[in-house]
Every structure is written in structure tokens, then in C-alpha cells.
Amino acid sequence: MHKVLQKAADVLRNHRREEVSIVSHMDADGIAAASILSKALDREDVSHTVTCIKLDQLPDIAPAGLAILSDLGSGQLNHLSHIKSPIIILDHHPPLDYHLPNAIHVNPTLHNYDGSSEISGAGVSYLFAKTLTAENVDLSPIAIVGACGDMQDFGKLTGLNREILNDGESTGLLSHQDDLLLYGRYTRPLFKSLQYFSDPYIPGITGDEQACKALLETLNIKGKDAQWVTLSHLSFEEKRILASELVKRSLRYAPPDLGKYIPQMIIGESYSLPHEEAASPLRDCTEFATCLNACGRRGRAEVGIEVAKGNRGIYYEMLVTLLQEHRQAIAKALEIMAHKPVTVMKSLQIIDASGVPDNIVGTVAMMLLGQNGVNPYLPLMVYTPSDKDSDILKVSVRCSRLLLYRKIHLGKAIRKAASLSEGEGGGHAPACGAYIPEHRLEYFMNQFAALVFAQVQP
């Protein structure tokens, strides 16, 4: 892969006097990737613009000069033939078998790496930046933020992500530690972290605030103020006691064949940026990713890019506001979904998510697992009209990462099912999406369910 990275770097250098267009995905990984590229081009004194888009907007882009596509492009090569200027694609999604003569295609999948687990779009952008100059090693923390945003920190970072982590730790800008895998280690009251912990599902705890408070009381985990103690305040022994209880409770509900994997979903590596303030949502890489995702979902990706580039002040204040708005939008969406019926098929459960904005429907799907009668151990499909075209449905599918041990790969299934249904889709093993014509929905659902069922057969 080094050769194609070097070739891509040479193409950039040959066009450094032109205006370069960076086009990236509008999720956390895409925004992290865009910020890495923008910072690297700043250092090369290359004038550039940055745009973060939804995948269905890719056919509409019209760069005048060199275009650098990050965290997208590989699965949409057929939509790029209208671009006549040079293209550098820095992606980690499964690529189409489609040739673009004007494109340099950098994708670890083409070099025997697993793009679903071993490197993110931000990671590929980081490797490109590092090829430009070793000075860009200090951008490695944002690559890890991107990996966490794409849920590649399952248990621990592996493959190329591990090498990037090592780069970050060598600079002192990154650290990792074994911990309970609860969200909000530094910023969220512990009972809230427990309440929203859903993968694996913990019966009697997930989604129940009062039960979470009672559990901490029973285990005598109080801290100086039980209302505000965070995971980071706990001693090693308190964490051990809590982890043991969570594993025990989770095992009661987990499928028998998957129970042995429960401990490594509750205890694993966490990744931190030690130079960020202790109570900042940027301290923990997963929380940082949530902040970037919020910026993208609220249509202000540029705010996340500036913060990730190290420009704080007013940008940080705006980011905090966008994060609050994002959470409010999700809360409103969950209220809408609370009374929706669940259709259960042999290998899939489905909810009509009409009324939920298409840019947060995937996040909502993940949060619904284990809630409102939704089976936490069966893939969940939700769909809502596309913001761009109401005759097109945005479909999102999510599943517990525990199901990956059954060799489920939702991204592969949805890509094939969508292609058979006059649509387009793709993604990773536990999370994927598609755009499907409304009149093909039933056919698509049946095709997808059959493909997922086939994946789990012995």
C-alpha cells in the first residue's frame, strides 16, 4: 500500500498550486478524515476547500481541480465518472469493481486489510498525511477518534489502527488503558453511563435510571457525591466489583452460544487524549467522535473540522451547542419511535421510522436495541423517507457487536440486497445503510433478511 500512498502524495504535489477540493462523509469518521487532510494541506501551503456530504450527494459534486475523497468513493465509483479532473480516493469501505482512469484509489481492502475493523477512513487519510511528511504524526489522535466513531475499538484496536495508536502514544498525545467500556468516562454521571449502556444488553439495568442508582447503592459505589461520580472516579476495586456484576447480569439474557464473549464487551481498552481537559467531551476518543458526529448531523461539519484541527475558542463553544441540539433531536426521535410497532422476521426486526430525520435514523436504530420490545440480539432495520427525495427511503440497520461472533456482516448483505432492489447500499459488519425506492421496500426487506439468515447458517 506504500506505493499507492506515495503515488497519491506525488499527485497532490503536482497540483499544489491549484485549488484542491476535499470531499468527505458527514459522519464522525468522515469529519475526522477531512480535518486530518485539511491540516496536512495547510502545512503544505495548498489552498483547499472542505465539504462533508451524505453519500447520496456524491453524484452532485463538481470539483474544478484535484478532488480528494475521504471515507467515501470506493463504493460509489460508478458515480464519479462525471469528474474529469484528477481524483485521490482515501477510503476503507468495500470497493466496487469499476475502473476510473483519472483516480488514484487508496483502500486498504485492496491490500488484504479489513476495512471494517483494522482501519477507518480517518486512518487512511492519516497514512496519506504521514506519507506527505513525518511531521503529520501528530495527527494520529484524530485518526483514532475516527476509528472509534466507526466502532472499530471493539475490545481493542487492531491492524493498522494499532500502528496508528503506537504513533500517537510515541508523541504523548494518545494513551490507552483497560477499563469498563462505559460511555462518558470523564463527563457523565456513572448511573447515566449505566442507563445508556446497551451493548451488551443488561436486563434490569439498560434504560432504567432508578435501577442503575439502586445498583450502585447496593454495590456501595457512591463516591463523594453519588449523583455526579463518574467512571473515572472509581478505584480499581470498585471497577472490578461493578464489572463482575454487569457481566453476571448480562449473561442471564445473552444467547448461550455468545455468552463467553460477554466479558470482553464490558471490559476492554479505552483511548484518551491526555492533553485535553479532564471534564471535556474531547478527552475520551469515543466522546470526541460523538461530538464530530453531532456537528455533521446538525449540518455544521466545519465546526467539528476546526475543533479537530486544534482551533478551539468559539468553535468549541459552537460544538458544545451542536452536541446539545443533537441529543435533543435524538430524544425527540426516540419519543416518535416509542409507539411504533416492531415487525419480526426470522433473521431481522423492522420498524417504520417515518418522522425521524434521515441523518440520525442510524443512531436511533442503535439506541433502540433492547428498548421498547426490540430484541437486542436480532438485527434491527429502520427506514424513513430521504430528505432529498421522499420517494426514496433511507434504510439503516444495526446489530449488537456480539453478533459479529456469528460471522454476520450487515454491510455485505445490504449491498447485495440494495443492488437487487434498484437501490444502493453498503457499510460495515455491525452497521450499514442503503437508499431504496419506496416501491421496492418489501422486496428489499425480504432479500436482506434472506441474506442475513444465510450468513448465520452452519
Foldseek 3Di string as FASTA:
>chain_A
DLVLLLVVLVVCVVCQADEEEEEFALALLRLLLQLLLVLLNVVVVGHYDYYHDHPVCLLVDADPEEYEYFQDCQCPVVSCQVHPHAYEYQHAFHGDPDDDPRYRYDYCVVVVDHSLAAFGRSLSSLVSSCSNDVVSLCSLLSRVLSCLRSVNCQQHHDHSNVVSQVSNVVVVQKDKDKAFPFPQQQAAQQLVSQCQDVQPHFPQRHNDSVSSLVVCVVLVNQPPHNRHDGNNNDDPVSRVVVLVVRLVRSLVQDDPVLSVVSSSRGIHMWMARVVDDRNDLRGTSNSLSLLCRLCSLVVNNVLNSCVSNVNDDVSVVVSVVSSVVSVVLLVVQVVQQLPWDWDDDPQEIETESEPRALSCVQVNLQSCQVHNPHPQAGKYKYWYQHPVGSQKIKIKIFHRPSCCVLVAWLFVLLQVLQVVQVWGWGGTRGIIIIIHGPVSVVSSVVSSSVVRVVSNDD
